[in-house]
All heavy atoms as atom14 arrays in JSON, in Angstrom:
{
  "sequence": "LERKDLRTIVVCVILASICFFFILRFFYQAFPEAS",
  "atom14_mask": [
    [1, 1, 1, 1, 1, 1, 1, 1, 0, 0, 0, 0, 0, 0],
    [1, 1, 1, 1, 1, 1, 1, 1, 1, 0, 0, 0, 0, 0],
    [1, 1, 1, 1, 1, 1, 1, 1, 1, 1, 1, 0, 0, 0],
    [1, 1, 1, 1, 1, 1, 1, 1, 1, 0, 0, 0, 0, 0],
    [1, 1, 1, 1, 1, 1, 1, 1, 0, 0, 0, 0, 0, 0],
    [1, 1, 1, 1, 1, 1, 1, 1, 0, 0, 0, 0, 0, 0],
    [1, 1, 1, 1, 1, 1, 1, 1, 1, 1, 1, 0, 0, 0],
    [1, 1, 1, 1, 1, 1, 1, 0, 0, 0, 0, 0, 0, 0],
    [1, 1, 1, 1, 1, 1, 1, 1, 0, 0, 0, 0, 0, 0],
    [1, 1, 1, 1, 1, 1, 1, 0, 0, 0, 0, 0, 0, 0],
    [1, 1, 1, 1, 1, 1, 1, 0, 0, 0, 0, 0, 0, 0],
    [1, 1, 1, 1, 1, 1, 0, 0, 0, 0, 0, 0, 0, 0],
    [1, 1, 1, 1, 1, 1, 1, 0, 0, 0, 0, 0, 0, 0],
    [1, 1, 1, 1, 1, 1, 1, 1, 0, 0, 0, 0, 0, 0],
    [1, 1, 1, 1, 1, 1, 1, 1, 0, 0, 0, 0, 0, 0],
    [1, 1, 1, 1, 1, 0, 0, 0, 0, 0, 0, 0, 0, 0],
    [1, 1, 1, 1, 1, 1, 0, 0, 0, 0, 0, 0, 0, 0],
    [1, 1, 1, 1, 1, 1, 1, 1, 0, 0, 0, 0, 0, 0],
    [1, 1, 1, 1, 1, 1, 0, 0, 0, 0, 0, 0, 0, 0],
    [1, 1, 1, 1, 1, 1, 1, 1, 1, 1, 1, 0, 0, 0],
    [1, 1, 1, 1, 1, 1, 1, 1, 1, 1, 1, 0, 0, 0],
    [1, 1, 1, 1, 1, 1, 1, 1, 1, 1, 1, 0, 0, 0],
    [1, 1, 1, 1, 1, 1, 1, 1, 0, 0, 0, 0, 0, 0],
    [1, 1, 1, 1, 1, 1, 1, 1, 0, 0, 0, 0, 0, 0],
    [1, 1, 1, 1, 1, 1, 1, 1, 1, 1, 1, 0, 0, 0],
    [1, 1, 1, 1, 1, 1, 1, 1, 1, 1, 1, 0, 0, 0],
    [1, 1, 1, 1, 1, 1, 1, 1, 1, 1, 1, 0, 0, 0],
    [1, 1, 1, 1, 1, 1, 1, 1, 1, 1, 1, 1, 0, 0],
    [1, 1, 1, 1, 1, 1, 1, 1, 1, 0, 0, 0, 0, 0],
    [1, 1, 1, 1, 1, 0, 0, 0, 0, 0, 0, 0, 0, 0],
    [1, 1, 1, 1, 1, 1, 1, 1, 1, 1, 1, 0, 0, 0],
    [1, 1, 1, 1, 1, 1, 1, 0, 0, 0, 0, 0, 0, 0],
    [1, 1, 1, 1, 1, 1, 1, 1, 1, 0, 0, 0, 0, 0],
    [1, 1, 1, 1, 1, 0, 0, 0, 0, 0, 0, 0, 0, 0],
    [1, 1, 1, 1, 1, 1, 0, 0, 0, 0, 0, 0, 0, 0]
  ],
  "atom14_positions": [
    [[202.79, 94.66, -41.53], [203.69, 94.54, -40.43], [205.18, 94.95, -40.69], [205.69, 94.31, -41.66], [203.62, 93.27, -39.73], [202.13, 92.88, -39.08], [202.17, 91.53, -38.63], [201.84, 93.87, -38.04], [0.0, 0.0, 0.0], [0.0, 0.0, 0.0], [0.0, 0.0, 0.0], [0.0, 0.0, 0.0], [0.0, 0.0, 0.0], [0.0, 0.0, 0.0]],
    [[205.66, 95.91, -39.84], [207.04, 96.28, -40.13], [208.03, 95.41, -39.17], [207.43, 94.62, -38.19], [207.26, 97.73, -39.9], [206.55, 98.46, -40.81], [206.82, 100.06, -40.63], [207.4, 100.25, -39.58], [206.19, 100.81, -41.31], [0.0, 0.0, 0.0], [0.0, 0.0, 0.0], [0.0, 0.0, 0.0], [0.0, 0.0, 0.0], [0.0, 0.0, 0.0]],
    [[209.28, 95.47, -39.24], [210.07, 94.74, -38.44], [209.96, 95.01, -36.83], [209.97, 94.13, -36.09], [211.68, 95.07, -38.81], [212.66, 94.14, -38.13], [214.03, 94.62, -38.42], [214.27, 94.41, -39.8], [214.74, 93.09, -40.29], [214.94, 92.22, -39.46], [214.81, 92.89, -41.51], [0.0, 0.0, 0.0], [0.0, 0.0, 0.0], [0.0, 0.0, 0.0]],
    [[209.66, 96.33, -36.66], [209.59, 96.59, -35.25], [208.24, 96.12, -34.63], [208.08, 95.68, -33.43], [209.56, 98.18, -34.95], [208.42, 98.88, -35.65], [208.48, 100.43, -35.48], [207.2, 101.08, -36.21], [207.2, 102.54, -35.9], [0.0, 0.0, 0.0], [0.0, 0.0, 0.0], [0.0, 0.0, 0.0], [0.0, 0.0, 0.0], [0.0, 0.0, 0.0]],
    [[207.2, 95.9, -35.49], [205.93, 95.32, -35.07], [206.19, 93.91, -34.8], [205.59, 93.27, -33.82], [204.84, 95.38, -36.24], [204.56, 96.84, -36.41], [204.46, 97.72, -35.46], [204.29, 97.15, -37.64], [0.0, 0.0, 0.0], [0.0, 0.0, 0.0], [0.0, 0.0, 0.0], [0.0, 0.0, 0.0], [0.0, 0.0, 0.0], [0.0, 0.0, 0.0]],
    [[206.97, 93.14, -35.57], [207.22, 91.76, -35.35], [208.13, 91.61, -34.02], [207.76, 90.54, -33.23], [208.07, 91.2, -36.61], [207.32, 91.02, -37.81], [208.35, 90.65, -38.99], [206.13, 90.09, -37.78], [0.0, 0.0, 0.0], [0.0, 0.0, 0.0], [0.0, 0.0, 0.0], [0.0, 0.0, 0.0], [0.0, 0.0, 0.0], [0.0, 0.0, 0.0]],
    [[209.02, 92.57, -33.82], [209.63, 92.44, -32.49], [208.76, 92.65, -31.35], [208.89, 92.01, -30.33], [210.83, 93.58, -32.43], [211.98, 93.3, -33.33], [213.19, 94.14, -32.92], [212.86, 95.54, -33.0], [213.17, 96.25, -34.08], [213.84, 95.68, -35.13], [212.9, 97.54, -34.07], [0.0, 0.0, 0.0], [0.0, 0.0, 0.0], [0.0, 0.0, 0.0]],
    [[207.79, 93.51, -31.5], [206.77, 93.64, -30.44], [206.06, 92.43, -30.15], [205.74, 92.02, -28.98], [205.84, 94.97, -30.8], [206.73, 96.01, -31.02], [204.79, 95.08, -29.63], [0.0, 0.0, 0.0], [0.0, 0.0, 0.0], [0.0, 0.0, 0.0], [0.0, 0.0, 0.0], [0.0, 0.0, 0.0], [0.0, 0.0, 0.0], [0.0, 0.0, 0.0]],
    [[205.67, 91.75, -31.17], [204.89, 90.56, -31.06], [205.7, 89.49, -30.26], [205.23, 88.78, -29.49], [204.41, 90.1, -32.45], [203.23, 91.16, -33.05], [203.8, 88.67, -32.33], [202.86, 90.73, -34.37], [0.0, 0.0, 0.0], [0.0, 0.0, 0.0], [0.0, 0.0, 0.0], [0.0, 0.0, 0.0], [0.0, 0.0, 0.0], [0.0, 0.0, 0.0]],
    [[206.95, 89.46, -30.8], [207.8, 88.29, -30.26], [207.96, 88.67, -28.73], [207.96, 87.76, -27.77], [209.2, 88.36, -30.89], [210.2, 87.53, -30.12], [208.99, 87.78, -32.4], [0.0, 0.0, 0.0], [0.0, 0.0, 0.0], [0.0, 0.0, 0.0], [0.0, 0.0, 0.0], [0.0, 0.0, 0.0], [0.0, 0.0, 0.0], [0.0, 0.0, 0.0]],
    [[208.22, 89.97, -28.32], [208.32, 90.33, -26.94], [207.12, 89.89, -26.17], [207.19, 89.37, -24.99], [208.63, 91.78, -26.87], [208.58, 92.21, -25.27], [210.09, 92.03, -27.21], [0.0, 0.0, 0.0], [0.0, 0.0, 0.0], [0.0, 0.0, 0.0], [0.0, 0.0, 0.0], [0.0, 0.0, 0.0], [0.0, 0.0, 0.0], [0.0, 0.0, 0.0]],
    [[205.83, 90.18, -26.71], [204.71, 89.91, -26.08], [204.49, 88.34, -25.74], [204.05, 87.95, -24.81], [203.37, 90.41, -26.89], [203.39, 92.23, -26.88], [0.0, 0.0, 0.0], [0.0, 0.0, 0.0], [0.0, 0.0, 0.0], [0.0, 0.0, 0.0], [0.0, 0.0, 0.0], [0.0, 0.0, 0.0], [0.0, 0.0, 0.0], [0.0, 0.0, 0.0]],
    [[204.94, 87.58, -26.96], [204.79, 86.04, -26.61], [205.77, 85.66, -25.66], [205.38, 84.62, -24.83], [205.14, 85.45, -28.07], [205.34, 83.98, -27.86], [204.1, 85.78, -29.06], [0.0, 0.0, 0.0], [0.0, 0.0, 0.0], [0.0, 0.0, 0.0], [0.0, 0.0, 0.0], [0.0, 0.0, 0.0], [0.0, 0.0, 0.0], [0.0, 0.0, 0.0]],
    [[206.98, 86.23, -25.48], [207.89, 85.82, -24.47], [207.35, 86.14, -23.04], [207.5, 85.31, -22.21], [209.28, 86.51, -24.67], [209.86, 85.94, -26.07], [210.24, 86.25, -23.52], [211.23, 86.65, -26.43], [0.0, 0.0, 0.0], [0.0, 0.0, 0.0], [0.0, 0.0, 0.0], [0.0, 0.0, 0.0], [0.0, 0.0, 0.0], [0.0, 0.0, 0.0]],
    [[206.8, 87.35, -22.95], [206.25, 87.72, -21.65], [204.98, 86.88, -21.41], [204.93, 86.51, -20.13], [205.75, 89.19, -21.82], [206.86, 90.22, -21.8], [206.34, 91.68, -21.96], [207.91, 90.14, -20.6], [0.0, 0.0, 0.0], [0.0, 0.0, 0.0], [0.0, 0.0, 0.0], [0.0, 0.0, 0.0], [0.0, 0.0, 0.0], [0.0, 0.0, 0.0]],
    [[204.2, 86.57, -22.32], [203.09, 85.66, -21.98], [203.51, 84.23, -21.47], [203.04, 83.73, -20.66], [202.16, 85.61, -23.21], [0.0, 0.0, 0.0], [0.0, 0.0, 0.0], [0.0, 0.0, 0.0], [0.0, 0.0, 0.0], [0.0, 0.0, 0.0], [0.0, 0.0, 0.0], [0.0, 0.0, 0.0], [0.0, 0.0, 0.0], [0.0, 0.0, 0.0]],
    [[204.58, 83.78, -22.2], [205.16, 82.42, -21.72], [205.71, 82.44, -20.41], [205.43, 81.58, -19.6], [206.27, 82.07, -22.76], [205.74, 81.98, -24.11], [0.0, 0.0, 0.0], [0.0, 0.0, 0.0], [0.0, 0.0, 0.0], [0.0, 0.0, 0.0], [0.0, 0.0, 0.0], [0.0, 0.0, 0.0], [0.0, 0.0, 0.0], [0.0, 0.0, 0.0]],
    [[206.44, 83.56, -19.99], [206.88, 83.67, -18.63], [205.76, 83.73, -17.62], [205.91, 83.1, -16.6], [207.78, 84.92, -18.53], [209.1, 84.85, -19.46], [208.16, 85.26, -17.09], [209.91, 86.01, -19.43], [0.0, 0.0, 0.0], [0.0, 0.0, 0.0], [0.0, 0.0, 0.0], [0.0, 0.0, 0.0], [0.0, 0.0, 0.0], [0.0, 0.0, 0.0]],
    [[204.7, 84.59, -17.88], [203.6, 84.58, -16.99], [202.9, 83.25, -16.88], [202.49, 82.95, -15.77], [202.58, 85.54, -17.51], [203.13, 87.28, -17.56], [0.0, 0.0, 0.0], [0.0, 0.0, 0.0], [0.0, 0.0, 0.0], [0.0, 0.0, 0.0], [0.0, 0.0, 0.0], [0.0, 0.0, 0.0], [0.0, 0.0, 0.0], [0.0, 0.0, 0.0]],
    [[202.76, 82.48, -17.99], [202.2, 81.2, -17.84], [203.06, 80.29, -17.14], [202.4, 79.45, -16.25], [202.16, 80.59, -19.41], [201.45, 79.34, -19.41], [200.08, 79.16, -19.18], [202.17, 78.19, -19.77], [199.31, 77.96, -19.15], [201.51, 76.97, -19.73], [200.19, 76.85, -19.51], [0.0, 0.0, 0.0], [0.0, 0.0, 0.0], [0.0, 0.0, 0.0]],
    [[204.29, 80.36, -17.1], [205.16, 79.51, -16.24], [205.05, 79.89, -14.86], [204.92, 78.98, -13.92], [206.57, 79.84, -16.7], [207.62, 79.21, -15.63], [207.9, 77.85, -15.55], [208.22, 80.18, -14.7], [208.77, 77.34, -14.63], [209.12, 79.51, -13.76], [209.41, 78.1, -13.71], [0.0, 0.0, 0.0], [0.0, 0.0, 0.0], [0.0, 0.0, 0.0]],
    [[204.97, 81.15, -14.45], [204.72, 81.48, -13.04], [203.46, 81.13, -12.6], [203.12, 80.71, -11.46], [204.81, 83.0, -12.96], [206.22, 83.49, -12.68], [207.09, 83.78, -13.71], [206.7, 83.56, -11.34], [208.38, 84.27, -13.58], [208.08, 84.02, -11.12], [208.86, 84.34, -12.25], [0.0, 0.0, 0.0], [0.0, 0.0, 0.0], [0.0, 0.0, 0.0]],
    [[202.35, 81.13, -13.45], [200.88, 80.64, -13.03], [201.04, 79.23, -12.67], [200.63, 78.74, -11.63], [200.07, 80.82, -14.17], [199.69, 82.44, -14.39], [198.67, 80.12, -13.86], [198.7, 82.69, -15.43], [0.0, 0.0, 0.0], [0.0, 0.0, 0.0], [0.0, 0.0, 0.0], [0.0, 0.0, 0.0], [0.0, 0.0, 0.0], [0.0, 0.0, 0.0]],
    [[201.71, 78.28, -13.57], [201.78, 76.97, -13.25], [202.68, 76.68, -12.01], [202.32, 75.77, -11.25], [202.58, 76.18, -14.44], [201.69, 76.14, -15.69], [202.52, 75.43, -16.91], [200.32, 75.42, -15.5], [0.0, 0.0, 0.0], [0.0, 0.0, 0.0], [0.0, 0.0, 0.0], [0.0, 0.0, 0.0], [0.0, 0.0, 0.0], [0.0, 0.0, 0.0]],
    [[203.63, 77.51, -11.76], [204.54, 77.21, -10.64], [203.94, 77.67, -9.38], [204.01, 77.04, -8.24], [205.83, 77.93, -10.87], [206.92, 77.9, -9.76], [207.39, 76.54, -9.57], [208.29, 76.3, -8.46], [207.98, 76.27, -7.16], [206.77, 76.35, -6.84], [209.0, 76.22, -6.18], [0.0, 0.0, 0.0], [0.0, 0.0, 0.0], [0.0, 0.0, 0.0]],
    [[203.13, 78.75, -9.26], [202.84, 79.47, -7.94], [201.28, 79.59, -7.82], [200.9, 80.18, -6.79], [203.46, 80.8, -7.83], [204.92, 80.85, -7.86], [205.62, 81.26, -8.94], [205.7, 80.28, -6.88], [206.99, 81.31, -8.96], [207.16, 80.4, -6.79], [207.77, 80.72, -7.88], [0.0, 0.0, 0.0], [0.0, 0.0, 0.0], [0.0, 0.0, 0.0]],
    [[200.43, 79.09, -8.84], [199.1, 79.2, -8.67], [198.49, 78.72, -7.29], [197.76, 79.24, -6.63], [198.35, 78.6, -9.79], [196.85, 78.71, -9.85], [196.37, 79.83, -10.33], [196.06, 77.67, -9.32], [195.01, 80.05, -10.26], [194.63, 77.79, -9.37], [194.16, 78.97, -9.86], [0.0, 0.0, 0.0], [0.0, 0.0, 0.0], [0.0, 0.0, 0.0]],
    [[198.89, 77.4, -6.92], [198.35, 76.79, -5.73], [198.81, 77.48, -4.42], [198.11, 77.47, -3.32], [198.64, 75.39, -5.68], [197.89, 74.66, -6.75], [198.56, 74.15, -7.93], [196.5, 74.29, -6.6], [197.85, 73.45, -8.94], [195.87, 73.69, -7.66], [196.45, 73.13, -8.81], [195.77, 72.53, -9.76], [0.0, 0.0, 0.0], [0.0, 0.0, 0.0]],
    [[200.02, 78.12, -4.58], [200.37, 78.9, -3.29], [199.67, 80.22, -3.25], [199.3, 80.55, -2.13], [201.98, 79.11, -3.38], [202.77, 77.84, -3.43], [204.28, 78.11, -3.41], [204.66, 79.32, -3.13], [205.0, 77.33, -3.94], [0.0, 0.0, 0.0], [0.0, 0.0, 0.0], [0.0, 0.0, 0.0], [0.0, 0.0, 0.0], [0.0, 0.0, 0.0]],
    [[199.43, 80.81, -4.34], [198.79, 82.06, -4.45], [197.33, 82.0, -4.06], [196.64, 82.83, -3.32], [198.99, 82.92, -5.66], [0.0, 0.0, 0.0], [0.0, 0.0, 0.0], [0.0, 0.0, 0.0], [0.0, 0.0, 0.0], [0.0, 0.0, 0.0], [0.0, 0.0, 0.0], [0.0, 0.0, 0.0], [0.0, 0.0, 0.0], [0.0, 0.0, 0.0]],
    [[196.64, 80.85, -4.56], [195.19, 80.57, -4.27], [195.07, 79.25, -3.69], [194.7, 78.26, -4.43], [194.49, 80.72, -5.8], [194.75, 82.08, -6.48], [195.7, 82.1, -7.48], [193.98, 83.06, -6.03], [195.82, 83.33, -8.06], [194.15, 84.31, -6.67], [195.18, 84.52, -7.77], [0.0, 0.0, 0.0], [0.0, 0.0, 0.0], [0.0, 0.0, 0.0]],
    [[195.14, 79.22, -2.4], [195.01, 77.97, -1.7], [193.65, 77.34, -1.94], [193.4, 76.09, -1.83], [195.17, 78.23, -0.23], [194.84, 79.81, -0.2], [195.27, 80.35, -1.48], [0.0, 0.0, 0.0], [0.0, 0.0, 0.0], [0.0, 0.0, 0.0], [0.0, 0.0, 0.0], [0.0, 0.0, 0.0], [0.0, 0.0, 0.0], [0.0, 0.0, 0.0]],
    [[192.69, 78.01, -2.28], [191.35, 77.47, -2.48], [191.35, 76.38, -3.57], [190.58, 75.48, -3.53], [190.32, 78.55, -2.97], [190.01, 79.53, -1.98], [190.71, 80.85, -2.26], [192.02, 80.53, -2.62], [190.33, 81.9, -1.96], [0.0, 0.0, 0.0], [0.0, 0.0, 0.0], [0.0, 0.0, 0.0], [0.0, 0.0, 0.0], [0.0, 0.0, 0.0]],
    [[192.31, 76.48, -4.48], [192.52, 75.63, -5.74], [192.89, 74.24, -5.25], [192.99, 73.31, -6.02], [193.32, 76.23, -6.68], [0.0, 0.0, 0.0], [0.0, 0.0, 0.0], [0.0, 0.0, 0.0], [0.0, 0.0, 0.0], [0.0, 0.0, 0.0], [0.0, 0.0, 0.0], [0.0, 0.0, 0.0], [0.0, 0.0, 0.0], [0.0, 0.0, 0.0]],
    [[193.59, 74.16, -4.01], [194.22, 72.85, -3.69], [193.48, 72.36, -2.56], [193.95, 71.37, -1.86], [195.67, 73.09, -3.15], [195.71, 74.1, -2.09], [0.0, 0.0, 0.0], [0.0, 0.0, 0.0], [0.0, 0.0, 0.0], [0.0, 0.0, 0.0], [0.0, 0.0, 0.0], [0.0, 0.0, 0.0], [0.0, 0.0, 0.0], [0.0, 0.0, 0.0]]
  ]
}
């Protein structure tokens, strides 16, 4: 793995964390069946 590969992995982890936050925040609004 080179430095640019590590940067790519870090960016992916950050994007995944942001997506996870949005799922926790808006899941029940987007999918009312769950509530």
